[in-house]
Amino acid sequence: MTKPMFIMNRTDIARVIASEKGFTKAESLEIVKDIFNEIGTQIAQGKEVNIKDFGKFEVKDHSGRIGVNPSNGERIAIETTKLPTFKASGVLKASVNQDR
């Protein structure tokens, strides 16, 4: 049996903060945007962002390789890229798996 899908976005997070901490929704949304923007800025500069008991955001290199164009079978060079990644902390993993 699958669980119903609920996708939480920045506005939803801001709404929770506003109701629990007494900020306005606008103030809370601005704080949430600032947090995510700062995480993005830091990892774009090659820095890790490690949030205790939550996880670590970082950029990893994805090495270039030779691929195949599926429409014509032609071999093509795929360039090296940088990918943002997230690794959950042990605390977060345990929280997710507590119902097991």
N, C-alpha and C. Protein backbone atom coordinates (compact mmCIF):
# COMPACT_ATOMS: atom_id res chain seq x y z
N MET A 1 0.85 -1.18 0.00
CA MET A 1 0.00 0.00 0.00
C MET A 1 0.89 1.24 0.00
N THR A 2 0.62 2.16 -0.92
CA THR A 2 1.42 3.37 -1.00
C THR A 2 0.80 4.47 -0.17
N LYS A 3 1.67 5.32 0.34
CA LYS A 3 1.21 6.46 1.12
C LYS A 3 0.75 7.55 0.17
N PRO A 4 -0.23 8.37 0.58
CA PRO A 4 -0.63 9.49 -0.27
C PRO A 4 0.52 10.47 -0.44
N MET A 5 0.64 11.02 -1.63
CA MET A 5 1.74 11.93 -1.94
C MET A 5 1.41 13.33 -1.46
N PHE A 6 2.32 13.92 -0.71
CA PHE A 6 2.21 15.32 -0.32
C PHE A 6 3.54 15.97 -0.60
N ILE A 7 3.52 17.00 -1.38
CA ILE A 7 4.75 17.71 -1.71
C ILE A 7 4.74 19.04 -0.96
N MET A 8 5.75 19.24 -0.13
CA MET A 8 5.84 20.47 0.65
C MET A 8 6.77 21.43 -0.09
N ASN A 9 6.34 22.68 -0.23
CA ASN A 9 7.17 23.67 -0.90
C ASN A 9 7.55 24.79 0.07
N ARG A 10 8.23 25.81 -0.46
CA ARG A 10 8.69 26.91 0.40
C ARG A 10 7.53 27.61 1.12
N THR A 11 6.43 27.79 0.41
CA THR A 11 5.28 28.46 1.00
C THR A 11 4.71 27.66 2.16
N ASP A 12 4.67 26.33 2.00
CA ASP A 12 4.17 25.47 3.08
C ASP A 12 5.08 25.55 4.30
N ILE A 13 6.39 25.53 4.07
CA ILE A 13 7.34 25.65 5.18
C ILE A 13 7.15 26.99 5.88
N ALA A 14 7.02 28.06 5.09
CA ALA A 14 6.82 29.40 5.67
C ALA A 14 5.53 29.47 6.48
N ARG A 15 4.50 28.81 6.01
CA ARG A 15 3.21 28.81 6.73
C ARG A 15 3.37 28.15 8.11
N VAL A 16 4.12 27.05 8.17
CA VAL A 16 4.35 26.37 9.44
C VAL A 16 5.14 27.28 10.39
N ILE A 17 6.19 27.89 9.88
CA ILE A 17 7.00 28.79 10.70
C ILE A 17 6.15 29.94 11.23
N ALA A 18 5.34 30.52 10.36
CA ALA A 18 4.49 31.65 10.77
C ALA A 18 3.53 31.25 11.88
N SER A 19 2.93 30.07 11.74
CA SER A 19 1.95 29.66 12.76
C SER A 19 2.60 29.25 14.07
N GLU A 20 3.81 28.68 14.00
CA GLU A 20 4.46 28.20 15.22
C GLU A 20 5.31 29.26 15.92
N LYS A 21 5.82 30.23 15.17
CA LYS A 21 6.75 31.20 15.75
C LYS A 21 6.23 32.64 15.80
N GLY A 22 5.03 32.87 15.28
CA GLY A 22 4.43 34.18 15.39
C GLY A 22 4.88 35.20 14.36
N PHE A 23 5.62 34.79 13.34
CA PHE A 23 5.97 35.70 12.26
C PHE A 23 4.79 35.82 11.31
N THR A 24 4.79 36.85 10.49
CA THR A 24 3.79 36.91 9.43
C THR A 24 4.19 35.91 8.35
N LYS A 25 3.24 35.56 7.49
CA LYS A 25 3.56 34.64 6.40
C LYS A 25 4.61 35.23 5.47
N ALA A 26 4.52 36.54 5.23
CA ALA A 26 5.49 37.21 4.36
C ALA A 26 6.89 37.17 4.97
N GLU A 27 6.99 37.44 6.27
CA GLU A 27 8.29 37.39 6.94
C GLU A 27 8.87 35.98 6.90
N SER A 28 8.02 35.01 7.16
CA SER A 28 8.47 33.62 7.16
C SER A 28 8.93 33.18 5.78
N LEU A 29 8.19 33.57 4.75
CA LEU A 29 8.58 33.20 3.39
C LEU A 29 9.92 33.83 3.02
N GLU A 30 10.13 35.06 3.42
CA GLU A 30 11.41 35.73 3.15
C GLU A 30 12.56 35.00 3.84
N ILE A 31 12.36 34.57 5.07
CA ILE A 31 13.38 33.81 5.80
C ILE A 31 13.68 32.50 5.09
N VAL A 32 12.65 31.78 4.69
CA VAL A 32 12.84 30.50 4.01
C VAL A 32 13.59 30.70 2.69
N LYS A 33 13.19 31.71 1.93
CA LYS A 33 13.89 32.01 0.66
C LYS A 33 15.36 32.33 0.92
N ASP A 34 15.63 33.14 1.95
CA ASP A 34 17.01 33.50 2.28
C ASP A 34 17.85 32.28 2.65
N ILE A 35 17.26 31.36 3.40
CA ILE A 35 17.99 30.14 3.79
C ILE A 35 18.35 29.33 2.56
N PHE A 36 17.37 29.07 1.69
CA PHE A 36 17.65 28.26 0.51
C PHE A 36 18.59 28.97 -0.47
N ASN A 37 18.44 30.29 -0.60
CA ASN A 37 19.36 31.04 -1.46
C ASN A 37 20.79 30.96 -0.94
N GLU A 38 20.95 31.05 0.38
CA GLU A 38 22.30 30.98 0.96
C GLU A 38 22.90 29.58 0.77
N ILE A 39 22.11 28.55 0.95
CA ILE A 39 22.61 27.19 0.70
C ILE A 39 23.07 27.09 -0.75
N GLY A 40 22.25 27.57 -1.69
CA GLY A 40 22.62 27.52 -3.11
C GLY A 40 23.88 28.31 -3.41
N THR A 41 24.00 29.49 -2.81
CA THR A 41 25.19 30.32 -3.02
C THR A 41 26.44 29.61 -2.53
N GLN A 42 26.37 29.04 -1.35
CA GLN A 42 27.54 28.38 -0.76
C GLN A 42 27.97 27.16 -1.56
N ILE A 43 27.03 26.32 -1.96
CA ILE A 43 27.45 25.13 -2.72
C ILE A 43 27.91 25.51 -4.13
N ALA A 44 27.36 26.60 -4.70
CA ALA A 44 27.83 27.07 -6.01
C ALA A 44 29.29 27.52 -5.93
N GLN A 45 29.72 27.95 -4.75
CA GLN A 45 31.11 28.36 -4.54
C GLN A 45 32.01 27.19 -4.16
N GLY A 46 31.45 25.97 -4.18
CA GLY A 46 32.23 24.78 -3.88
C GLY A 46 32.32 24.45 -2.40
N LYS A 47 31.53 25.10 -1.58
CA LYS A 47 31.55 24.86 -0.14
C LYS A 47 30.48 23.84 0.24
N GLU A 48 30.71 23.13 1.32
CA GLU A 48 29.71 22.23 1.88
C GLU A 48 28.83 23.00 2.85
N VAL A 49 27.57 22.64 2.91
CA VAL A 49 26.67 23.19 3.92
C VAL A 49 26.18 22.00 4.73
N ASN A 50 26.63 21.92 5.97
CA ASN A 50 26.31 20.79 6.84
C ASN A 50 25.38 21.27 7.94
N ILE A 51 24.14 20.78 7.91
CA ILE A 51 23.14 21.18 8.90
C ILE A 51 22.98 20.02 9.88
N LYS A 52 23.42 20.24 11.11
CA LYS A 52 23.43 19.20 12.14
C LYS A 52 22.07 18.52 12.25
N ASP A 53 22.09 17.21 12.33
CA ASP A 53 20.92 16.35 12.47
C ASP A 53 19.98 16.40 11.27
N PHE A 54 20.39 17.03 10.17
CA PHE A 54 19.58 17.06 8.96
C PHE A 54 20.33 16.46 7.79
N GLY A 55 21.45 17.08 7.41
CA GLY A 55 22.23 16.52 6.32
C GLY A 55 23.21 17.51 5.75
N LYS A 56 23.85 17.08 4.65
CA LYS A 56 24.92 17.86 4.06
C LYS A 56 24.62 18.11 2.58
N PHE A 57 24.72 19.38 2.18
CA PHE A 57 24.59 19.77 0.78
C PHE A 57 26.01 20.02 0.26
N GLU A 58 26.30 19.54 -0.93
CA GLU A 58 27.60 19.79 -1.53
C GLU A 58 27.51 19.61 -3.04
N VAL A 59 28.59 19.94 -3.72
CA VAL A 59 28.67 19.75 -5.17
C VAL A 59 29.66 18.64 -5.43
N LYS A 60 29.27 17.72 -6.29
CA LYS A 60 30.16 16.63 -6.70
C LYS A 60 30.39 16.71 -8.19
N ASP A 61 31.61 16.36 -8.59
CA ASP A 61 31.93 16.31 -10.01
C ASP A 61 31.40 15.01 -10.60
N HIS A 62 30.78 15.14 -11.75
CA HIS A 62 30.30 13.98 -12.51
C HIS A 62 31.18 13.92 -13.74
N SER A 63 32.08 12.95 -13.80
CA SER A 63 33.10 12.93 -14.84
C SER A 63 32.50 12.75 -16.23
N GLY A 64 33.21 13.32 -17.20
CA GLY A 64 32.81 13.20 -18.59
C GLY A 64 32.98 11.77 -19.07
N ARG A 65 32.29 11.46 -20.13
CA ARG A 65 32.37 10.10 -20.68
C ARG A 65 31.89 10.12 -22.12
N ILE A 66 32.03 9.01 -22.77
CA ILE A 66 31.52 8.85 -24.12
C ILE A 66 30.14 8.20 -24.02
N GLY A 67 29.16 8.82 -24.65
CA GLY A 67 27.81 8.29 -24.66
C GLY A 67 27.39 7.96 -26.08
N VAL A 68 26.18 7.48 -26.21
CA VAL A 68 25.64 7.12 -27.52
C VAL A 68 24.32 7.86 -27.72
N ASN A 69 24.21 8.56 -28.85
CA ASN A 69 22.96 9.22 -29.21
C ASN A 69 21.95 8.13 -29.56
N PRO A 70 20.85 8.00 -28.81
CA PRO A 70 19.91 6.89 -29.04
C PRO A 70 19.17 6.97 -30.37
N SER A 71 19.08 8.15 -30.94
CA SER A 71 18.33 8.25 -32.20
C SER A 71 19.13 7.81 -33.42
N ASN A 72 20.47 7.90 -33.34
CA ASN A 72 21.26 7.51 -34.52
C ASN A 72 22.46 6.61 -34.19
N GLY A 73 22.67 6.30 -32.92
CA GLY A 73 23.76 5.41 -32.53
C GLY A 73 25.13 6.06 -32.55
N GLU A 74 25.21 7.34 -32.88
CA GLU A 74 26.48 8.04 -32.95
C GLU A 74 27.07 8.23 -31.56
N ARG A 75 28.38 8.00 -31.44
CA ARG A 75 29.07 8.22 -30.17
C ARG A 75 29.31 9.71 -29.98
N ILE A 76 29.03 10.18 -28.75
CA ILE A 76 29.21 11.60 -28.45
C ILE A 76 29.94 11.76 -27.13
N ALA A 77 30.67 12.85 -27.03
CA ALA A 77 31.38 13.15 -25.78
C ALA A 77 30.42 13.90 -24.85
N ILE A 78 30.29 13.39 -23.64
CA ILE A 78 29.49 14.05 -22.61
C ILE A 78 30.45 14.73 -21.66
N GLU A 79 30.32 16.04 -21.52
CA GLU A 79 31.26 16.83 -20.73
C GLU A 79 31.15 16.56 -19.23
N THR A 80 32.22 16.84 -18.52
CA THR A 80 32.22 16.79 -17.06
C THR A 80 31.27 17.88 -16.55
N THR A 81 30.48 17.53 -15.55
CA THR A 81 29.55 18.50 -14.97
C THR A 81 29.66 18.46 -13.45
N LYS A 82 29.13 19.48 -12.83
CA LYS A 82 29.04 19.53 -11.37
C LYS A 82 27.58 19.37 -11.01
N LEU A 83 27.31 18.54 -10.00
CA LEU A 83 25.94 18.27 -9.59
C LEU A 83 25.76 18.57 -8.10
N PRO A 84 24.72 19.33 -7.75
CA PRO A 84 24.43 19.52 -6.33
C PRO A 84 23.89 18.21 -5.75
N THR A 85 24.35 17.87 -4.55
CA THR A 85 23.90 16.64 -3.91
C THR A 85 23.50 16.92 -2.47
N PHE A 86 22.72 16.00 -1.93
CA PHE A 86 22.33 16.06 -0.52
C PHE A 86 22.52 14.68 0.07
N LYS A 87 23.17 14.64 1.23
CA LYS A 87 23.34 13.38 1.96
C LYS A 87 22.68 13.54 3.32
N ALA A 88 21.67 12.72 3.57
CA ALA A 88 20.93 12.80 4.84
C ALA A 88 21.81 12.37 6.01
N SER A 89 21.60 13.01 7.16
CA SER A 89 22.33 12.63 8.37
C SER A 89 21.75 11.33 8.93
N GLY A 90 22.48 10.73 9.82
CA GLY A 90 22.00 9.53 10.50
C GLY A 90 20.71 9.78 11.26
N VAL A 91 20.60 10.96 11.87
CA VAL A 91 19.40 11.32 12.63
C VAL A 91 18.19 11.39 11.69
N LEU A 92 18.35 12.02 10.53
CA LEU A 92 17.25 12.12 9.57
C LEU A 92 16.87 10.74 9.04
N LYS A 93 17.88 9.93 8.72
CA LYS A 93 17.60 8.57 8.23
C LYS A 93 16.83 7.76 9.28
N ALA A 94 17.24 7.88 10.53
CA ALA A 94 16.55 7.15 11.61
C ALA A 94 15.11 7.64 11.75
N SER A 95 14.90 8.93 11.61
CA SER A 95 13.56 9.50 11.71
C SER A 95 12.65 8.97 10.61
N VAL A 96 13.18 8.88 9.41
CA VAL A 96 12.41 8.39 8.26
C VAL A 96 12.07 6.90 8.43
N ASN A 97 12.97 6.16 9.04
CA ASN A 97 12.81 4.72 9.16
C ASN A 97 12.24 4.26 10.49
N GLN A 98 11.76 5.16 11.32
CA GLN A 98 11.29 4.78 12.66
C GLN A 98 10.04 3.90 12.63
N ASP A 99 9.27 3.92 11.54
CA ASP A 99 8.04 3.11 11.44
C ASP A 99 8.32 1.67 11.03
N ARG A 100 9.55 1.34 10.74
CA ARG A 100 9.88 0.00 10.23
C ARG A 100 9.84 -1.03 11.30
